[in-house]
Amino acid sequence: MDLIYNPEKFDSSLNFYREIFSNTSNIPTTDGNEQQYESSILIPLDFSLEMDGISGIIPNSAFEIPSNVLPTAYLTKNKESKIAFILHTVDHNFNNNKWTTKITGQTILIRFDTLSTEEIEKRKKSKEIIKKKNKAQEKGGKDEAFKVTEGCTKQASSLLSNPSVKSNISLITNAAKDFGITGKKAIAAMCAIAGGESGLIPKSEGHIYKKANLQGVFTGLTDDQVARATAKGITKKQFFSIVYGEYKPTRMGNRAGKVGINDGGLYYGRGFNQLTGHGNYTNISNILVKKFGNNYNILNNPELINQPDISAKALVAFYVTPMRGVDQNSDDWFIIARKKTGYDANGGYAKKAEYYNCLISNQSDLIA
């Protein structure tokens, strides 16, 4: 096969990639973002070639593969090649008065087809529909954001069949009864919310982010804060001291402006429902200590909330006051409690709804 060598091809390829991937809306996603380009999936292929000595070839040069030897899937709509070999290494050897050159490299994509105007508009409309749906979910109203269904999805069945999860549901059920909550739908609601927040395994909030992801979650962080929060080896306390302690520090009842106090690094998300903030820890700790004693003081020892029994009681305590007066045997309990918890960007309302529907139908014995 005749390869077309173009020493400028690599630079043009890089520029093309920068054009595409510097804007995340160009990347194919499942959330409705319009994609400006489309292409086939490229399986990476390494190559190595040794030839008679040749000069003028340098690393990061590229050889375009002729279109007449490529399958249709690797051609643009204009029948141009999408594929090239990019060079990683160029080695020259001189032995016995013979000069040889060995090159190694890998395949890259160099061209993409742009989407039609109709397809771009279609994807924009899809994006708007999803935005409206997410807003409806955040409101937690009785609309398309939640519908009672029978049966379990594969995701729900997998989670609820876990022995540790079953044991934790039992703890939550017992804790609910300690607080006078006996309605199955109310108990199912708390378990379902915990499923979406923590997978029904009490744990601490994660703190490892890429810069772009961190800026998407905490949009008000400065460049300096982002750099420090994403530094290699950063601890949880250091990370949350920045994103909860420096960024809007008084939210969630965190104290600010006092020497030696940074509540962000102490009261990050933990437990079944990822309890966060000095204010929430204070309120729930007061309830637990009054009812069960000082061994449940999560304000002085926040890590206690990751113990399953204490986490179960803290989960229920979180809903006792705001859900007072709501019918425990009504689906309203789940709808309102889910709204009180807030929108979970990772799992959203949909995942919690799946767990709830499964618990009140096929798996209702787990909350007996």
Protein backbone atom coordinates (compact mmCIF):
# COMPACT_ATOMS: atom_id res chain seq x y z
CA MET A 1 0.00 0.00 0.00
CA ASP A 2 1.24 3.49 -0.82
CA LEU A 3 1.25 5.76 2.20
CA ILE A 4 0.93 9.48 1.64
CA TYR A 5 3.54 11.23 3.77
CA ASN A 6 2.74 14.74 4.90
CA PRO A 7 5.02 16.30 7.54
CA GLU A 8 2.37 18.93 8.25
CA LYS A 9 -0.41 16.39 8.79
CA PHE A 10 0.29 15.94 12.48
CA ASP A 11 -0.14 19.62 13.31
CA SER A 12 -3.33 19.86 11.33
CA SER A 13 -4.61 16.73 13.07
CA LEU A 14 -3.88 18.16 16.50
CA ASN A 15 -5.56 21.43 15.67
CA PHE A 16 -8.59 19.52 14.46
CA TYR A 17 -8.75 17.59 17.73
CA ARG A 18 -8.41 20.80 19.71
CA GLU A 19 -11.32 22.27 17.77
CA ILE A 20 -13.48 19.27 18.60
CA PHE A 21 -12.62 18.41 22.17
CA SER A 22 -12.02 21.86 23.63
CA ASN A 23 -15.82 22.14 23.59
CA THR A 24 -17.52 19.32 25.50
CA SER A 25 -20.72 19.79 23.51
CA ASN A 26 -18.92 18.18 20.58
CA ILE A 27 -18.43 14.91 22.44
CA PRO A 28 -21.14 12.23 22.02
CA THR A 29 -23.13 11.86 25.24
CA THR A 30 -26.37 10.37 26.51
CA ASP A 31 -27.66 13.56 28.09
CA GLY A 32 -28.84 15.27 24.94
CA ASN A 33 -25.81 17.40 24.07
CA GLU A 34 -25.66 18.19 20.38
CA GLN A 35 -22.59 16.67 18.77
CA GLN A 36 -20.97 18.68 16.02
CA TYR A 37 -19.04 15.77 14.51
CA GLU A 38 -19.57 12.07 14.04
CA SER A 39 -17.22 9.25 13.17
CA SER A 40 -16.64 5.53 13.43
CA ILE A 41 -14.97 4.04 16.47
CA LEU A 42 -11.27 3.59 15.81
CA ILE A 43 -9.51 0.51 17.17
CA PRO A 44 -5.93 1.63 18.02
CA LEU A 45 -3.32 -0.16 15.94
CA ASP A 46 0.41 0.00 16.66
CA PHE A 47 2.83 -0.48 13.80
CA SER A 48 6.57 -0.89 13.30
CA LEU A 49 8.42 -0.58 10.00
CA GLU A 50 12.12 -0.89 9.11
CA MET A 51 13.39 0.45 5.79
CA ASP A 52 16.48 1.65 4.01
CA GLY A 53 17.86 4.82 5.56
CA ILE A 54 15.76 7.89 4.90
CA SER A 55 16.01 11.45 6.20
CA GLY A 56 13.40 14.15 6.78
CA ILE A 57 11.07 12.01 8.90
CA ILE A 58 10.68 13.13 12.50
CA PRO A 59 8.52 11.99 15.44
CA ASN A 60 4.96 13.33 15.39
CA SER A 61 4.82 13.31 11.60
CA ALA A 62 1.89 11.45 10.09
CA PHE A 63 1.14 9.25 7.09
CA GLU A 64 -2.37 9.42 5.72
CA ILE A 65 -3.79 6.06 4.62
CA PRO A 66 -5.16 6.24 1.05
CA SER A 67 -8.93 6.08 0.80
CA ASN A 68 -8.89 3.33 -1.86
CA VAL A 69 -7.62 0.72 0.64
CA LEU A 70 -9.97 1.58 3.52
CA PRO A 71 -13.41 0.14 4.34
CA THR A 72 -16.32 2.52 3.81
CA ALA A 73 -16.75 2.94 7.58
CA TYR A 74 -13.38 4.70 7.70
CA LEU A 75 -14.19 7.18 4.94
CA THR A 76 -15.92 10.53 5.23
CA LYS A 77 -19.11 11.23 3.33
CA ASN A 78 -16.87 12.85 0.71
CA LYS A 79 -14.95 9.53 0.39
CA GLU A 80 -11.82 10.94 2.03
CA SER A 81 -9.68 8.92 4.42
CA LYS A 82 -10.30 9.39 8.14
CA ILE A 83 -7.23 7.40 9.17
CA ALA A 84 -3.52 8.15 9.47
CA PHE A 85 -0.47 6.68 11.20
CA ILE A 86 1.19 9.03 13.65
CA LEU A 87 4.90 8.40 14.32
CA HIS A 88 6.12 7.94 17.90
CA THR A 89 9.76 7.09 17.29
CA VAL A 90 12.28 7.32 14.44
CA ASP A 91 15.52 5.34 14.96
CA HIS A 92 18.49 5.42 12.60
CA ASN A 93 21.09 2.61 12.64
CA PHE A 94 24.44 2.34 10.84
CA ASN A 95 25.91 -1.18 10.70
CA ASN A 96 28.41 -2.60 8.20
CA ASN A 97 28.18 0.50 6.03
CA LYS A 98 24.39 0.06 5.84
CA TRP A 99 21.92 2.74 6.95
CA THR A 100 18.46 1.64 8.12
CA THR A 101 15.57 3.58 9.59
CA LYS A 102 12.97 2.08 11.94
CA ILE A 103 9.72 3.90 12.66
CA THR A 104 6.94 3.07 15.11
CA GLY A 105 3.55 4.66 15.53
CA GLN A 106 -0.19 4.31 15.96
CA THR A 107 -3.41 5.01 14.12
CA ILE A 108 -5.27 8.28 14.62
CA LEU A 109 -8.43 9.87 13.23
CA ILE A 110 -7.76 12.93 11.08
CA ARG A 111 -11.18 13.81 9.65
CA PHE A 112 -14.77 13.81 10.89
CA ASP A 113 -18.09 14.32 9.19
CA THR A 114 -20.10 17.28 10.40
CA LEU A 115 -23.68 16.64 11.41
CA SER A 116 -26.51 17.87 9.24
CA THR A 117 -28.45 20.94 10.33
CA GLU A 118 -31.48 18.74 10.92
CA GLU A 119 -29.55 16.39 13.21
CA ILE A 120 -28.09 19.26 15.24
CA GLU A 121 -31.56 20.74 15.74
CA LYS A 122 -32.90 17.33 16.73
CA ARG A 123 -30.21 16.98 19.39
CA LYS A 124 -30.83 20.49 20.68
CA LYS A 125 -34.52 19.69 21.13
CA SER A 126 -33.61 16.49 22.93
CA LYS A 127 -31.34 18.46 25.23
CA GLU A 128 -34.15 20.89 26.09
CA ILE A 129 -36.54 18.03 26.85
CA ILE A 130 -34.03 16.49 29.27
CA LYS A 131 -33.44 19.87 30.96
CA LYS A 132 -37.18 20.27 31.53
CA LYS A 133 -37.39 16.74 32.90
CA ASN A 134 -34.53 17.38 35.33
CA LYS A 135 -36.19 20.59 36.55
CA ALA A 136 -39.42 18.68 37.11
CA GLN A 137 -37.49 16.07 39.09
CA GLU A 138 -35.87 18.73 41.25
CA LYS A 139 -39.30 20.13 42.14
CA GLY A 140 -40.36 16.68 43.29
CA GLY A 141 -43.96 17.29 42.27
CA LYS A 142 -46.59 14.71 41.36
CA ASP A 143 -45.81 14.71 37.67
CA GLU A 144 -43.74 12.68 35.24
CA ALA A 145 -40.80 12.92 37.68
CA PHE A 146 -42.23 9.92 39.55
CA LYS A 147 -44.71 7.19 38.75
CA VAL A 148 -45.48 4.18 40.88
CA THR A 149 -44.66 0.99 38.99
CA GLU A 150 -44.61 -2.71 39.80
CA GLY A 151 -41.51 -4.86 39.73
CA CYS A 152 -37.76 -4.32 39.92
CA THR A 153 -35.24 -3.11 37.40
CA LYS A 154 -31.97 -4.99 37.02
CA GLN A 155 -30.19 -2.19 38.89
CA ALA A 156 -32.60 -2.34 41.84
CA SER A 157 -32.56 -6.14 42.03
CA SER A 158 -28.77 -6.18 42.04
CA LEU A 159 -28.52 -3.66 44.87
CA LEU A 160 -31.25 -5.15 47.05
CA SER A 161 -29.91 -8.70 46.75
CA ASN A 162 -26.62 -7.68 48.41
CA PRO A 163 -26.41 -9.31 51.89
CA SER A 164 -24.88 -6.18 53.47
CA VAL A 165 -27.63 -4.04 51.97
CA LYS A 166 -30.33 -6.38 53.31
CA SER A 167 -28.77 -6.14 56.78
CA ASN A 168 -28.67 -2.33 56.55
CA ILE A 169 -32.32 -2.17 55.46
CA SER A 170 -33.16 -4.13 58.61
CA LEU A 171 -31.26 -1.56 60.69
CA ILE A 172 -33.13 1.30 59.00
CA THR A 173 -36.46 -0.46 59.57
CA ASN A 174 -35.70 -0.88 63.28
CA ALA A 175 -34.47 2.72 63.58
CA ALA A 176 -37.67 3.94 61.93
CA LYS A 177 -39.75 2.12 64.51
CA ASP A 178 -37.64 3.71 67.28
CA PHE A 179 -38.90 7.07 65.98
CA GLY A 180 -42.49 5.91 65.55
CA ILE A 181 -42.31 5.47 61.77
CA THR A 182 -43.99 2.18 60.89
CA GLY A 183 -45.57 2.81 57.49
CA LYS A 184 -44.00 0.58 54.83
CA LYS A 185 -43.96 3.30 52.20
CA ALA A 186 -42.20 5.72 54.54
CA ILE A 187 -39.55 3.11 55.38
CA ALA A 188 -39.19 2.16 51.70
CA ALA A 189 -38.74 5.85 50.87
CA MET A 190 -35.83 6.28 53.29
CA CYS A 191 -34.18 3.07 52.09
CA ALA A 192 -34.63 4.09 48.44
CA ILE A 193 -33.13 7.52 49.04
CA ALA A 194 -30.19 5.93 50.86
CA GLY A 195 -29.80 3.59 47.89
CA GLY A 196 -29.41 6.51 45.55
CA GLU A 197 -27.13 8.48 47.84
CA SER A 198 -24.77 5.77 49.07
CA GLY A 199 -25.81 2.42 47.62
CA LEU A 200 -27.20 1.65 51.12
CA ILE A 201 -23.65 1.27 52.42
CA PRO A 202 -22.67 4.13 54.78
CA LYS A 203 -19.59 5.86 53.42
CA SER A 204 -17.81 9.18 53.13
CA GLU A 205 -18.19 11.49 50.17
CA GLY A 206 -15.54 11.09 47.46
CA HIS A 207 -12.94 13.80 47.01
CA ILE A 208 -10.95 12.91 43.89
CA TYR A 209 -11.98 15.13 40.98
CA LYS A 210 -10.58 16.18 37.65
CA LYS A 211 -10.42 19.94 37.21
CA ALA A 212 -13.21 20.14 34.64
CA ASN A 213 -15.51 17.96 36.73
CA LEU A 214 -14.84 19.92 39.90
CA GLN A 215 -15.64 23.21 38.20
CA GLY A 216 -18.89 21.70 36.94
CA VAL A 217 -19.99 20.77 40.47
CA PHE A 218 -18.64 23.79 42.36
CA THR A 219 -19.00 26.53 39.76
CA GLY A 220 -17.88 29.36 42.02
CA LEU A 221 -14.40 28.04 42.80
CA THR A 222 -11.48 30.24 41.80
CA ASP A 223 -8.68 28.90 39.61
CA ASP A 224 -6.42 28.79 42.67
CA GLN A 225 -8.99 26.80 44.66
CA VAL A 226 -9.47 24.35 41.81
CA ALA A 227 -5.71 23.87 41.48
CA ARG A 228 -5.31 23.21 45.20
CA ALA A 229 -8.37 20.96 45.40
CA THR A 230 -7.16 18.76 42.56
CA ALA A 231 -3.52 18.59 43.65
CA LYS A 232 -1.98 15.13 43.78
CA GLY A 233 -2.21 13.48 47.21
CA ILE A 234 -4.78 15.88 48.69
CA THR A 235 -6.61 14.48 51.73
CA LYS A 236 -10.36 14.52 52.29
CA LYS A 237 -10.04 17.12 55.03
CA GLN A 238 -7.91 19.37 52.83
CA PHE A 239 -10.25 18.97 49.87
CA PHE A 240 -13.47 19.70 51.74
CA SER A 241 -11.85 22.55 53.64
CA ILE A 242 -11.62 24.19 50.22
CA VAL A 243 -14.92 23.26 48.54
CA TYR A 244 -17.12 23.44 51.65
CA GLY A 245 -15.00 25.70 53.85
CA GLU A 246 -13.78 28.38 51.43
CA TYR A 247 -16.50 28.18 48.78
CA LYS A 248 -19.74 29.68 50.19
CA PRO A 249 -18.58 28.69 53.69
CA THR A 250 -21.78 29.55 55.59
CA ARG A 251 -24.03 27.27 53.56
CA MET A 252 -25.30 24.14 55.36
CA GLY A 253 -24.65 25.90 58.65
CA ASN A 254 -20.87 25.86 58.38
CA ARG A 255 -19.18 28.39 60.63
CA ALA A 256 -16.81 30.82 58.96
CA GLY A 257 -14.44 33.60 59.86
CA LYS A 258 -13.33 32.17 63.19
CA VAL A 259 -9.67 31.44 63.81
CA GLY A 260 -8.89 27.75 63.60
CA ILE A 261 -12.37 26.72 62.42
CA ASN A 262 -13.05 25.27 59.01
CA ASP A 263 -16.23 23.20 59.20
CA GLY A 264 -15.97 22.23 55.55
CA GLY A 265 -13.13 19.84 56.25
CA LEU A 266 -14.99 18.25 59.18
CA TYR A 267 -18.60 17.89 58.12
CA TYR A 268 -18.56 16.57 54.57
CA GLY A 269 -21.01 13.97 53.25
CA ARG A 270 -21.22 10.74 55.25
CA GLY A 271 -23.60 7.94 56.10
CA PHE A 272 -26.57 6.49 54.27
CA ASN A 273 -27.89 9.85 53.07
CA GLN A 274 -24.57 11.73 52.86
CA LEU A 275 -25.32 14.13 55.69
CA THR A 276 -23.33 17.32 55.05
CA GLY A 277 -22.63 20.57 56.89
CA HIS A 278 -22.16 21.69 60.49
CA GLY A 279 -25.83 22.71 60.73
CA ASN A 280 -27.13 19.27 59.77
CA TYR A 281 -24.63 17.44 61.99
CA THR A 282 -25.63 19.67 64.92
CA ASN A 283 -29.36 19.08 64.50
CA ILE A 284 -29.12 15.32 63.99
CA SER A 285 -26.55 14.89 66.76
CA ASN A 286 -28.84 16.68 69.23
CA ILE A 287 -31.69 14.34 68.33
CA LEU A 288 -29.55 11.21 68.61
CA VAL A 289 -27.88 12.16 71.89
CA LYS A 290 -31.19 13.06 73.50
CA LYS A 291 -32.76 9.76 72.44
CA PHE A 292 -29.85 7.30 72.60
CA GLY A 293 -27.07 8.90 74.65
CA ASN A 294 -23.61 10.44 74.17
CA ASN A 295 -22.29 7.47 72.20
CA TYR A 296 -24.28 8.92 69.27
CA ASN A 297 -22.65 12.37 69.32
CA ILE A 298 -21.80 12.72 65.62
CA LEU A 299 -21.03 16.41 66.04
CA ASN A 300 -17.96 15.70 68.19
CA ASN A 301 -17.07 12.56 66.23
CA PRO A 302 -18.39 12.84 62.64
CA GLU A 303 -16.93 9.46 61.60
CA LEU A 304 -19.47 7.72 63.86
CA ILE A 305 -22.13 8.27 61.21
CA ASN A 306 -20.42 5.73 58.96
CA GLN A 307 -21.21 2.98 61.46
CA PRO A 308 -24.33 1.21 60.05
CA ASP A 309 -26.42 1.32 63.25
CA ILE A 310 -25.70 4.98 63.95
CA SER A 311 -26.07 5.82 60.26
CA ALA A 312 -29.52 4.19 60.22
CA LYS A 313 -30.68 6.22 63.21
CA ALA A 314 -29.21 9.42 61.73
CA LEU A 315 -30.99 8.75 58.42
CA VAL A 316 -34.37 8.42 60.12
CA ALA A 317 -33.72 11.38 62.42
CA PHE A 318 -33.14 13.57 59.38
CA TYR A 319 -36.77 13.06 58.24
CA VAL A 320 -38.64 13.00 61.56
CA THR A 321 -39.40 16.72 61.80
CA PRO A 322 -39.84 17.71 58.11
CA MET A 323 -42.06 14.69 57.40
CA ARG A 324 -44.28 15.03 60.45
CA GLY A 325 -47.93 14.96 59.40
CA VAL A 326 -47.32 13.23 56.02
CA ASP A 327 -49.20 9.94 55.59
CA GLN A 328 -46.65 7.16 56.11
CA ASN A 329 -48.59 4.82 53.85
CA SER A 330 -48.78 7.23 50.93
CA ASP A 331 -46.41 7.65 47.99
CA ASP A 332 -46.40 11.33 48.96
CA TRP A 333 -43.92 10.42 51.70
CA PHE A 334 -41.35 9.39 49.12
CA ILE A 335 -42.01 12.37 46.83
CA ILE A 336 -41.68 14.92 49.65
CA ALA A 337 -38.77 13.23 51.40
CA ARG A 338 -36.87 13.00 48.14
CA LYS A 339 -37.31 16.73 47.64
CA LYS A 340 -36.15 17.44 51.21
CA THR A 341 -33.00 15.44 50.52
CA GLY A 342 -32.19 17.44 47.42
CA TYR A 343 -31.24 16.49 43.89
CA ASP A 344 -28.44 13.95 43.63
CA ALA A 345 -26.34 14.84 40.60
CA ASN A 346 -24.83 11.36 40.44
CA GLY A 347 -27.91 9.19 40.68
CA GLY A 348 -30.70 11.71 40.25
CA TYR A 349 -34.27 11.04 41.24
CA ALA A 350 -34.75 8.21 38.75
CA LYS A 351 -32.44 5.77 40.52
CA LYS A 352 -34.16 6.37 43.88
CA ALA A 353 -37.53 5.85 42.23
CA GLU A 354 -36.39 2.46 40.92
CA TYR A 355 -35.38 1.33 44.41
CA TYR A 356 -38.63 2.63 45.90
CA ASN A 357 -40.84 0.86 43.37
CA CYS A 358 -38.92 -2.37 43.88
CA LEU A 359 -39.18 -2.17 47.68
CA ILE A 360 -42.94 -1.59 47.76
CA SER A 361 -43.66 -4.36 45.25
CA ASN A 362 -41.35 -7.34 44.73
CA GLN A 363 -39.10 -6.71 47.75
CA SER A 364 -41.63 -5.51 50.32
CA ASP A 365 -40.55 -8.32 52.68
CA LEU A 366 -37.24 -6.47 53.23
CA ILE A 367 -39.04 -3.67 55.09
CA ALA A 368 -41.34 -5.88 57.16
